[in-house]
Amino acid sequence: MQRLYFIEEQAEISVGQTYWQDPVCYPSGSVLEDAVWTSSDETVAVVDQSGVVTAQKGGNVEIKVTTAGGELEAVYQMNIADGAKGDINGDGNINLVDLMQCLNHVGRKELLEGEALEAADINEDDVVNLVDLMRLLNYVGRKSETL
């Protein structure tokens, strides 16, 4: 093997999510065996020996894979988002469950608190109201690609 690299030099996930990226070996047909995977800060993200990254808390971290002999390495940067907007229940997905929680809050049926309230404030005006609910509805309903 003459070269080792990642196609994506940067990636982003939210706390609790996992990510994996296969390193490219050159020339093609080269095999990466017994690689050593490391995270520059395991309090932010840990990486197992298969290269699967698990986000622990918000921040930035460098993920590195090194050949068994240490002669080649490849690195990519990982940004861990701490509490994604719209992910009200904190499960790493923005879906109908989050939409219903926002609806219940706006309708005063079940009020949100703490991180859930912050995640529901889509437009960051310190108030969770119909504007936030409609933006979340358009996103979940696939009418908008952004919150």
N, C-alpha and C. Protein backbone atom coordinates (compact mmCIF):
# COMPACT_ATOMS: atom_id res chain seq x y z
N MET A 1 0.85 -1.17 0.00
CA MET A 1 0.00 0.00 0.00
C MET A 1 0.90 1.23 0.00
N GLN A 2 0.54 2.19 -0.86
CA GLN A 2 1.35 3.40 -0.99
C GLN A 2 0.69 4.63 -0.37
N ARG A 3 -0.63 4.59 -0.31
CA ARG A 3 -1.34 5.77 0.19
C ARG A 3 -2.61 5.34 0.90
N LEU A 4 -2.99 6.11 1.92
CA LEU A 4 -4.19 5.86 2.70
C LEU A 4 -4.87 7.21 2.93
N TYR A 5 -6.17 7.32 2.61
CA TYR A 5 -6.86 8.60 2.80
C TYR A 5 -8.37 8.38 2.93
N PHE A 6 -9.06 9.44 3.37
CA PHE A 6 -10.53 9.44 3.44
C PHE A 6 -11.06 10.34 2.34
N ILE A 7 -12.15 9.95 1.73
CA ILE A 7 -12.78 10.79 0.71
C ILE A 7 -13.39 12.03 1.36
N GLU A 8 -14.08 11.85 2.46
CA GLU A 8 -14.67 12.96 3.20
C GLU A 8 -13.69 13.42 4.27
N GLU A 9 -13.25 14.66 4.19
CA GLU A 9 -12.29 15.18 5.18
C GLU A 9 -12.98 15.72 6.42
N GLN A 10 -14.31 15.93 6.33
CA GLN A 10 -15.08 16.43 7.46
C GLN A 10 -16.42 15.72 7.49
N ALA A 11 -16.92 15.49 8.70
CA ALA A 11 -18.23 14.88 8.89
C ALA A 11 -18.88 15.50 10.11
N GLU A 12 -20.21 15.40 10.18
CA GLU A 12 -20.93 15.95 11.33
C GLU A 12 -22.05 15.01 11.73
N ILE A 13 -22.15 14.76 13.03
CA ILE A 13 -23.24 13.99 13.59
C ILE A 13 -23.65 14.66 14.90
N SER A 14 -24.74 14.18 15.48
CA SER A 14 -25.21 14.71 16.75
C SER A 14 -24.85 13.74 17.88
N VAL A 15 -24.89 14.25 19.08
CA VAL A 15 -24.61 13.44 20.27
C VAL A 15 -25.48 12.19 20.26
N GLY A 16 -24.86 11.03 20.50
CA GLY A 16 -25.55 9.75 20.53
C GLY A 16 -25.56 9.01 19.21
N GLN A 17 -25.26 9.70 18.12
CA GLN A 17 -25.26 9.06 16.81
C GLN A 17 -23.91 8.39 16.54
N THR A 18 -23.90 7.52 15.54
CA THR A 18 -22.66 6.86 15.12
C THR A 18 -22.37 7.21 13.66
N TYR A 19 -21.09 7.03 13.29
CA TYR A 19 -20.65 7.34 11.93
C TYR A 19 -19.51 6.41 11.58
N TRP A 20 -19.46 6.02 10.32
CA TRP A 20 -18.36 5.19 9.84
C TRP A 20 -18.00 5.61 8.43
N GLN A 21 -16.72 5.68 8.16
CA GLN A 21 -16.22 6.03 6.84
C GLN A 21 -15.07 5.09 6.51
N ASP A 22 -15.14 4.46 5.38
CA ASP A 22 -14.12 3.51 4.95
C ASP A 22 -12.91 4.25 4.38
N PRO A 23 -11.72 4.02 4.90
CA PRO A 23 -10.54 4.67 4.31
C PRO A 23 -10.23 4.05 2.95
N VAL A 24 -9.70 4.86 2.06
CA VAL A 24 -9.34 4.41 0.72
C VAL A 24 -7.86 4.02 0.73
N CYS A 25 -7.58 2.84 0.20
CA CYS A 25 -6.20 2.35 0.10
C CYS A 25 -5.77 2.45 -1.36
N TYR A 26 -4.54 2.94 -1.59
CA TYR A 26 -4.00 3.03 -2.94
C TYR A 26 -2.70 2.27 -3.01
N PRO A 27 -2.43 1.51 -4.02
CA PRO A 27 -3.28 1.28 -5.19
C PRO A 27 -4.50 0.43 -4.83
N SER A 28 -5.52 0.51 -5.68
CA SER A 28 -6.74 -0.26 -5.42
C SER A 28 -6.38 -1.74 -5.33
N GLY A 29 -7.09 -2.42 -4.49
CA GLY A 29 -6.78 -3.82 -4.23
C GLY A 29 -5.93 -4.00 -3.00
N SER A 30 -5.34 -2.90 -2.50
CA SER A 30 -4.58 -2.98 -1.25
C SER A 30 -5.54 -3.27 -0.11
N VAL A 31 -5.08 -3.98 0.89
CA VAL A 31 -5.92 -4.34 2.01
C VAL A 31 -5.38 -3.71 3.29
N LEU A 32 -6.27 -3.08 4.04
CA LEU A 32 -5.90 -2.48 5.32
C LEU A 32 -6.24 -3.47 6.42
N GLU A 33 -5.23 -4.09 6.99
CA GLU A 33 -5.45 -5.08 8.04
C GLU A 33 -4.83 -4.59 9.35
N ASP A 34 -5.47 -4.95 10.46
CA ASP A 34 -4.97 -4.62 11.80
C ASP A 34 -4.72 -3.12 11.97
N ALA A 35 -5.60 -2.31 11.41
CA ALA A 35 -5.48 -0.86 11.53
C ALA A 35 -5.74 -0.43 12.97
N VAL A 36 -5.17 0.69 13.34
CA VAL A 36 -5.37 1.26 14.67
C VAL A 36 -6.16 2.56 14.50
N TRP A 37 -7.34 2.62 15.12
CA TRP A 37 -8.20 3.78 15.05
C TRP A 37 -8.10 4.56 16.35
N THR A 38 -8.02 5.89 16.25
CA THR A 38 -7.94 6.73 17.45
C THR A 38 -8.79 7.99 17.29
N SER A 39 -9.20 8.52 18.43
CA SER A 39 -9.92 9.78 18.51
C SER A 39 -9.03 10.75 19.27
N SER A 40 -8.97 12.00 18.82
CA SER A 40 -8.13 12.98 19.51
C SER A 40 -8.70 13.38 20.87
N ASP A 41 -9.98 13.11 21.10
CA ASP A 41 -10.60 13.43 22.39
C ASP A 41 -11.76 12.46 22.63
N GLU A 42 -11.51 11.46 23.44
CA GLU A 42 -12.53 10.43 23.67
C GLU A 42 -13.68 10.91 24.55
N THR A 43 -13.58 12.10 25.13
CA THR A 43 -14.74 12.64 25.84
C THR A 43 -15.75 13.20 24.86
N VAL A 44 -15.30 13.55 23.65
CA VAL A 44 -16.19 14.07 22.60
C VAL A 44 -16.71 12.93 21.73
N ALA A 45 -15.82 12.04 21.29
CA ALA A 45 -16.22 10.91 20.44
C ALA A 45 -15.24 9.76 20.64
N VAL A 46 -15.78 8.56 20.71
CA VAL A 46 -14.94 7.36 20.79
C VAL A 46 -15.02 6.64 19.45
N VAL A 47 -13.95 5.93 19.12
CA VAL A 47 -13.92 5.16 17.88
C VAL A 47 -13.48 3.74 18.21
N ASP A 48 -14.24 2.76 17.71
CA ASP A 48 -13.85 1.37 17.99
C ASP A 48 -12.84 0.90 16.94
N GLN A 49 -12.36 -0.31 17.08
CA GLN A 49 -11.31 -0.79 16.19
C GLN A 49 -11.81 -1.18 14.80
N SER A 50 -13.12 -0.98 14.56
CA SER A 50 -13.66 -1.14 13.21
C SER A 50 -13.82 0.22 12.53
N GLY A 51 -13.57 1.30 13.30
CA GLY A 51 -13.69 2.64 12.76
C GLY A 51 -15.03 3.30 12.98
N VAL A 52 -15.91 2.68 13.77
CA VAL A 52 -17.22 3.27 14.05
C VAL A 52 -17.07 4.31 15.15
N VAL A 53 -17.46 5.54 14.82
CA VAL A 53 -17.36 6.66 15.76
C VAL A 53 -18.70 6.83 16.47
N THR A 54 -18.66 6.99 17.79
CA THR A 54 -19.86 7.26 18.58
C THR A 54 -19.69 8.60 19.27
N ALA A 55 -20.62 9.53 19.02
CA ALA A 55 -20.55 10.87 19.58
C ALA A 55 -20.95 10.84 21.05
N GLN A 56 -20.12 11.42 21.90
CA GLN A 56 -20.35 11.46 23.34
C GLN A 56 -20.89 12.80 23.82
N LYS A 57 -20.32 13.89 23.29
CA LYS A 57 -20.76 15.24 23.65
C LYS A 57 -20.37 16.18 22.52
N GLY A 58 -20.90 17.39 22.56
CA GLY A 58 -20.62 18.35 21.50
C GLY A 58 -19.15 18.76 21.47
N GLY A 59 -18.66 19.04 20.28
CA GLY A 59 -17.28 19.49 20.10
C GLY A 59 -16.70 19.01 18.79
N ASN A 60 -15.41 19.22 18.64
CA ASN A 60 -14.70 18.81 17.44
C ASN A 60 -13.63 17.80 17.81
N VAL A 61 -13.41 16.84 16.93
CA VAL A 61 -12.46 15.78 17.21
C VAL A 61 -11.83 15.33 15.89
N GLU A 62 -10.62 14.83 15.99
CA GLU A 62 -9.93 14.28 14.84
C GLU A 62 -9.94 12.76 14.94
N ILE A 63 -10.38 12.10 13.87
CA ILE A 63 -10.40 10.63 13.83
C ILE A 63 -9.26 10.19 12.92
N LYS A 64 -8.45 9.29 13.42
CA LYS A 64 -7.27 8.85 12.68
C LYS A 64 -7.22 7.34 12.58
N VAL A 65 -6.82 6.85 11.41
CA VAL A 65 -6.54 5.44 11.24
C VAL A 65 -5.08 5.33 10.81
N THR A 66 -4.39 4.39 11.43
CA THR A 66 -2.97 4.17 11.15
C THR A 66 -2.76 2.71 10.79
N THR A 67 -1.92 2.46 9.81
CA THR A 67 -1.61 1.07 9.46
C THR A 67 -0.93 0.40 10.63
N ALA A 68 -1.00 -0.92 10.67
CA ALA A 68 -0.46 -1.69 11.80
C ALA A 68 1.00 -1.35 12.08
N GLY A 69 1.78 -1.14 11.05
CA GLY A 69 3.20 -0.81 11.23
C GLY A 69 3.46 0.65 11.48
N GLY A 70 2.43 1.48 11.36
CA GLY A 70 2.56 2.91 11.62
C GLY A 70 3.11 3.72 10.46
N GLU A 71 3.29 3.09 9.30
CA GLU A 71 3.90 3.80 8.18
C GLU A 71 2.95 4.76 7.44
N LEU A 72 1.65 4.50 7.48
CA LEU A 72 0.68 5.36 6.82
C LEU A 72 -0.46 5.70 7.77
N GLU A 73 -1.03 6.89 7.57
CA GLU A 73 -2.20 7.28 8.37
C GLU A 73 -3.11 8.17 7.54
N ALA A 74 -4.37 8.18 7.92
CA ALA A 74 -5.38 9.04 7.29
C ALA A 74 -6.20 9.67 8.42
N VAL A 75 -6.63 10.90 8.19
CA VAL A 75 -7.32 11.67 9.23
C VAL A 75 -8.54 12.37 8.64
N TYR A 76 -9.61 12.45 9.43
CA TYR A 76 -10.72 13.34 9.08
C TYR A 76 -11.22 14.03 10.35
N GLN A 77 -11.85 15.18 10.16
CA GLN A 77 -12.37 15.98 11.26
C GLN A 77 -13.84 15.65 11.47
N MET A 78 -14.23 15.60 12.73
CA MET A 78 -15.60 15.27 13.08
C MET A 78 -16.15 16.39 13.95
N ASN A 79 -17.31 16.93 13.57
CA ASN A 79 -17.99 17.92 14.38
C ASN A 79 -19.19 17.23 15.02
N ILE A 80 -19.26 17.30 16.33
CA ILE A 80 -20.37 16.69 17.07
C ILE A 80 -21.31 17.81 17.51
N ALA A 81 -22.52 17.81 16.95
CA ALA A 81 -23.52 18.81 17.31
C ALA A 81 -24.14 18.42 18.65
N ASP A 82 -24.21 19.36 19.53
CA ASP A 82 -24.75 19.12 20.86
C ASP A 82 -26.20 19.58 20.90
N GLY A 83 -27.11 18.64 20.77
CA GLY A 83 -28.53 18.98 20.83
C GLY A 83 -29.01 19.65 19.56
N ALA A 84 -29.32 18.90 18.56
CA ALA A 84 -29.73 19.43 17.27
C ALA A 84 -31.10 20.10 17.36
N LYS A 85 -31.23 21.22 16.66
CA LYS A 85 -32.52 21.90 16.58
C LYS A 85 -33.52 20.95 15.95
N GLY A 86 -34.69 20.88 16.53
CA GLY A 86 -35.75 20.03 16.01
C GLY A 86 -35.79 18.64 16.61
N ASP A 87 -34.67 18.18 17.14
CA ASP A 87 -34.62 16.85 17.76
C ASP A 87 -35.04 16.99 19.22
N ILE A 88 -36.30 17.17 19.43
CA ILE A 88 -36.84 17.50 20.75
C ILE A 88 -36.66 16.37 21.75
N ASN A 89 -36.85 15.13 21.31
CA ASN A 89 -36.70 14.01 22.25
C ASN A 89 -35.26 13.50 22.34
N GLY A 90 -34.34 14.08 21.57
CA GLY A 90 -32.92 13.77 21.69
C GLY A 90 -32.52 12.38 21.21
N ASP A 91 -33.28 11.79 20.28
CA ASP A 91 -32.95 10.44 19.82
C ASP A 91 -32.08 10.42 18.57
N GLY A 92 -31.65 11.61 18.11
CA GLY A 92 -30.80 11.70 16.93
C GLY A 92 -31.58 11.80 15.63
N ASN A 93 -32.90 11.80 15.70
CA ASN A 93 -33.75 11.90 14.50
C ASN A 93 -34.75 13.02 14.69
N ILE A 94 -35.10 13.67 13.59
CA ILE A 94 -36.16 14.68 13.62
C ILE A 94 -37.32 14.08 12.85
N ASN A 95 -38.40 13.76 13.57
CA ASN A 95 -39.50 13.04 12.95
C ASN A 95 -40.84 13.42 13.58
N LEU A 96 -41.85 12.60 13.34
CA LEU A 96 -43.20 12.86 13.81
C LEU A 96 -43.29 12.95 15.34
N VAL A 97 -42.47 12.19 16.04
CA VAL A 97 -42.47 12.25 17.51
C VAL A 97 -42.11 13.65 17.98
N ASP A 98 -41.07 14.23 17.38
CA ASP A 98 -40.66 15.59 17.74
C ASP A 98 -41.74 16.60 17.37
N LEU A 99 -42.35 16.40 16.20
CA LEU A 99 -43.42 17.29 15.77
C LEU A 99 -44.58 17.27 16.77
N MET A 100 -44.96 16.09 17.23
CA MET A 100 -46.06 15.98 18.19
C MET A 100 -45.70 16.62 19.53
N GLN A 101 -44.46 16.48 19.95
CA GLN A 101 -44.05 17.12 21.20
C GLN A 101 -44.12 18.64 21.08
N CYS A 102 -43.72 19.16 19.92
CA CYS A 102 -43.80 20.60 19.70
C CYS A 102 -45.27 21.05 19.66
N LEU A 103 -46.11 20.28 18.99
CA LEU A 103 -47.54 20.60 18.93
C LEU A 103 -48.15 20.62 20.33
N ASN A 104 -47.83 19.64 21.15
CA ASN A 104 -48.36 19.59 22.51
C ASN A 104 -47.89 20.78 23.34
N HIS A 105 -46.67 21.23 23.09
CA HIS A 105 -46.17 22.40 23.82
C HIS A 105 -46.91 23.67 23.37
N VAL A 106 -46.99 23.86 22.06
CA VAL A 106 -47.65 25.06 21.53
C VAL A 106 -49.12 25.08 21.94
N GLY A 107 -49.76 23.91 21.98
CA GLY A 107 -51.16 23.81 22.41
C GLY A 107 -51.34 23.79 23.92
N ARG A 108 -50.24 23.93 24.65
CA ARG A 108 -50.22 23.97 26.12
C ARG A 108 -50.72 22.69 26.76
N LYS A 109 -50.64 21.58 26.02
CA LYS A 109 -51.06 20.30 26.56
C LYS A 109 -49.97 19.67 27.43
N GLU A 110 -48.71 19.78 26.97
CA GLU A 110 -47.56 19.24 27.71
C GLU A 110 -46.37 20.15 27.43
N LEU A 111 -45.99 20.96 28.42
CA LEU A 111 -44.94 21.95 28.22
C LEU A 111 -43.55 21.31 28.24
N LEU A 112 -42.71 21.80 27.35
CA LEU A 112 -41.32 21.33 27.26
C LEU A 112 -40.44 22.13 28.21
N GLU A 113 -39.33 21.50 28.62
CA GLU A 113 -38.38 22.16 29.51
C GLU A 113 -36.96 21.84 29.07
N GLY A 114 -36.01 22.63 29.53
CA GLY A 114 -34.59 22.34 29.36
C GLY A 114 -34.15 22.18 27.91
N GLU A 115 -33.38 21.11 27.64
CA GLU A 115 -32.84 20.87 26.31
C GLU A 115 -33.94 20.63 25.28
N ALA A 116 -35.04 20.02 25.68
CA ALA A 116 -36.15 19.79 24.76
C ALA A 116 -36.75 21.12 24.31
N LEU A 117 -36.91 22.04 25.24
CA LEU A 117 -37.44 23.37 24.92
C LEU A 117 -36.49 24.11 23.98
N GLU A 118 -35.21 24.00 24.24
CA GLU A 118 -34.19 24.65 23.39
C GLU A 118 -34.20 24.05 21.98
N ALA A 119 -34.34 22.73 21.88
CA ALA A 119 -34.37 22.07 20.57
C ALA A 119 -35.63 22.44 19.79
N ALA A 120 -36.72 22.74 20.49
CA ALA A 120 -37.98 23.10 19.84
C ALA A 120 -38.00 24.54 19.34
N ASP A 121 -37.10 25.37 19.84
CA ASP A 121 -37.03 26.78 19.43
C ASP A 121 -36.23 26.87 18.12
N ILE A 122 -36.86 26.47 17.03
CA ILE A 122 -36.20 26.34 15.74
C ILE A 122 -35.60 27.67 15.26
N ASN A 123 -36.35 28.75 15.39
CA ASN A 123 -35.87 30.04 14.89
C ASN A 123 -35.08 30.84 15.93
N GLU A 124 -34.83 30.24 17.07
CA GLU A 124 -33.97 30.79 18.12
C GLU A 124 -34.38 32.20 18.56
N ASP A 125 -35.69 32.40 18.76
CA ASP A 125 -36.16 33.69 19.26
C ASP A 125 -36.58 33.61 20.73
N ASP A 126 -36.19 32.50 21.40
CA ASP A 126 -36.47 32.26 22.81
C ASP A 126 -37.95 32.03 23.12
N VAL A 127 -38.74 31.73 22.09
CA VAL A 127 -40.15 31.41 22.27
C VAL A 127 -40.48 30.24 21.33
N VAL A 128 -41.13 29.22 21.86
CA VAL A 128 -41.58 28.11 21.01
C VAL A 128 -43.05 28.37 20.72
N ASN A 129 -43.32 28.64 19.44
CA ASN A 129 -44.67 29.01 19.05
C ASN A 129 -45.03 28.39 17.69
N LEU A 130 -46.08 28.89 17.08
CA LEU A 130 -46.57 28.36 15.82
C LEU A 130 -45.53 28.43 14.70
N VAL A 131 -44.69 29.44 14.72
CA VAL A 131 -43.64 29.56 13.71
C VAL A 131 -42.70 28.36 13.77
N ASP A 132 -42.27 28.00 14.97
CA ASP A 132 -41.40 26.84 15.15
C ASP A 132 -42.11 25.55 14.74
N LEU A 133 -43.37 25.44 15.13
CA LEU A 133 -44.17 24.26 14.79
C LEU A 133 -44.30 24.09 13.27
N MET A 134 -44.57 25.18 12.57
CA MET A 134 -44.74 25.10 11.11
C MET A 134 -43.42 24.77 10.42
N ARG A 135 -42.31 25.31 10.90
CA ARG A 135 -41.01 24.98 10.31
C ARG A 135 -40.70 23.50 10.51
N LEU A 136 -41.00 23.00 11.69
CA LEU A 136 -40.79 21.59 11.97
C LEU A 136 -41.71 20.72 11.11
N LEU A 137 -42.96 21.13 10.96
CA LEU A 137 -43.91 20.41 10.12
C LEU A 137 -43.43 20.33 8.67
N ASN A 138 -42.95 21.45 8.13
CA ASN A 138 -42.46 21.47 6.76
C ASN A 138 -41.23 20.60 6.58
N TYR A 139 -40.40 20.54 7.60
CA TYR A 139 -39.20 19.69 7.52
C TYR A 139 -39.58 18.21 7.60
N VAL A 140 -40.39 17.85 8.57
CA VAL A 140 -40.79 16.45 8.74
C VAL A 140 -41.62 15.98 7.54
N GLY A 141 -42.46 16.87 7.02
CA GLY A 141 -43.28 16.54 5.85
C GLY A 141 -42.53 16.64 4.53
N ARG A 142 -41.24 16.90 4.61
CA ARG A 142 -40.35 16.96 3.44
C ARG A 142 -40.67 18.10 2.47
N LYS A 143 -41.34 19.15 2.96
CA LYS A 143 -41.59 20.31 2.12
C LYS A 143 -40.42 21.28 2.17
N SER A 144 -39.55 21.08 3.15
CA SER A 144 -38.36 21.91 3.28
C SER A 144 -37.19 21.02 3.66
N GLU A 145 -36.03 21.30 3.09
CA GLU A 145 -34.84 20.49 3.40
C GLU A 145 -34.08 21.04 4.60
N THR A 146 -34.47 22.23 5.07
CA THR A 146 -33.82 22.82 6.23
C THR A 146 -34.87 23.24 7.24
N LEU A 147 -34.45 23.32 8.48
CA LEU A 147 -35.35 23.80 9.52
C LEU A 147 -35.31 25.31 9.48
